[in-house]
Amino acid sequence: MCTAANYTAKDHYFGRNLDLEYSYREAVTVTPRNFPFEFRKVPPLKTHHAMIGMATVAEGYPALRS
């Protein structure tokens, strides 16, 4: 089961957890604004907001949990 929180005021905040009992060595990770995301089947994402969340970093790329 997941828990999610959504807060909108001046800014928008969203958080969610995935209650698993297996660790992928995830840690709190900050992804800077406009960090270049390269994908295999869609064009690169070059502009986006900064993100903070739980992620596993693999080969320099954060695998963010939703």
Protein backbone atom coordinates (compact mmCIF):
# COMPACT_ATOMS: atom_id res chain seq x y z
CA MET A 1 0.00 0.00 0.00
CA CYS A 2 1.21 3.55 -0.73
CA THR A 3 0.78 6.79 1.12
CA ALA A 4 0.65 10.08 -0.78
CA ALA A 5 0.47 13.74 0.21
CA ASN A 6 -0.33 16.68 -2.04
CA TYR A 7 0.04 20.28 -0.85
CA THR A 8 -0.64 23.31 -3.03
CA ALA A 9 -0.25 26.87 -1.84
CA LYS A 10 2.23 29.32 -3.30
CA ASP A 11 4.21 26.28 -4.53
CA HIS A 12 3.18 22.69 -5.23
CA TYR A 13 4.54 19.79 -3.17
CA PHE A 14 3.85 16.10 -3.72
CA GLY A 15 5.21 13.13 -1.80
CA ARG A 16 4.56 9.41 -1.90
CA ASN A 17 6.07 6.28 -0.43
CA LEU A 18 6.04 2.68 -1.53
CA ASP A 19 5.99 0.40 1.48
CA LEU A 20 8.40 -2.35 0.46
CA GLU A 21 10.58 -4.35 2.79
CA TYR A 22 13.42 -4.74 0.30
CA SER A 23 16.24 -2.20 -0.03
CA TYR A 24 17.66 -1.03 -3.35
CA ARG A 25 20.18 1.12 -1.41
CA GLU A 26 18.01 4.15 -2.01
CA ALA A 27 18.76 7.46 -0.32
CA VAL A 28 17.40 10.98 -0.27
CA THR A 29 18.59 12.42 -3.58
CA VAL A 30 18.45 15.95 -4.97
CA THR A 31 18.21 16.19 -8.76
CA PRO A 32 19.13 19.72 -9.84
CA ARG A 33 16.94 21.83 -12.10
CA ASN A 34 17.57 20.99 -15.77
CA PHE A 35 19.62 17.86 -15.03
CA PRO A 36 19.78 16.23 -18.50
CA PHE A 37 17.70 13.05 -18.57
CA GLU A 38 18.50 10.82 -21.58
CA PHE A 39 15.97 8.18 -22.62
CA ARG A 40 16.10 5.29 -25.08
CA LYS A 41 12.82 5.83 -26.94
CA VAL A 42 11.83 9.46 -26.39
CA PRO A 43 13.71 12.75 -26.79
CA PRO A 44 15.92 13.94 -23.90
CA LEU A 45 14.35 15.97 -21.11
CA LYS A 46 16.55 19.05 -20.79
CA THR A 47 14.36 21.46 -18.82
CA HIS A 48 12.45 20.61 -15.64
CA HIS A 49 12.11 21.63 -12.01
CA ALA A 50 14.54 20.44 -9.35
CA MET A 51 13.45 17.25 -7.59
CA ILE A 52 14.09 15.79 -4.17
CA GLY A 53 13.08 12.28 -3.28
CA MET A 54 14.14 8.73 -2.61
CA ALA A 55 16.26 7.32 -5.41
CA THR A 56 18.78 4.69 -6.31
CA VAL A 57 21.61 6.24 -8.30
CA ALA A 58 22.84 3.99 -11.11
CA GLU A 59 25.65 5.08 -13.43
CA GLY A 60 25.17 8.72 -12.40
CA TYR A 61 21.41 8.77 -13.04
CA PRO A 62 18.82 8.84 -10.26
CA ALA A 63 16.13 6.18 -10.46
CA LEU A 64 13.47 8.12 -8.57
CA ARG A 65 10.75 6.19 -6.77
CA SER A 66 7.21 7.27 -7.36
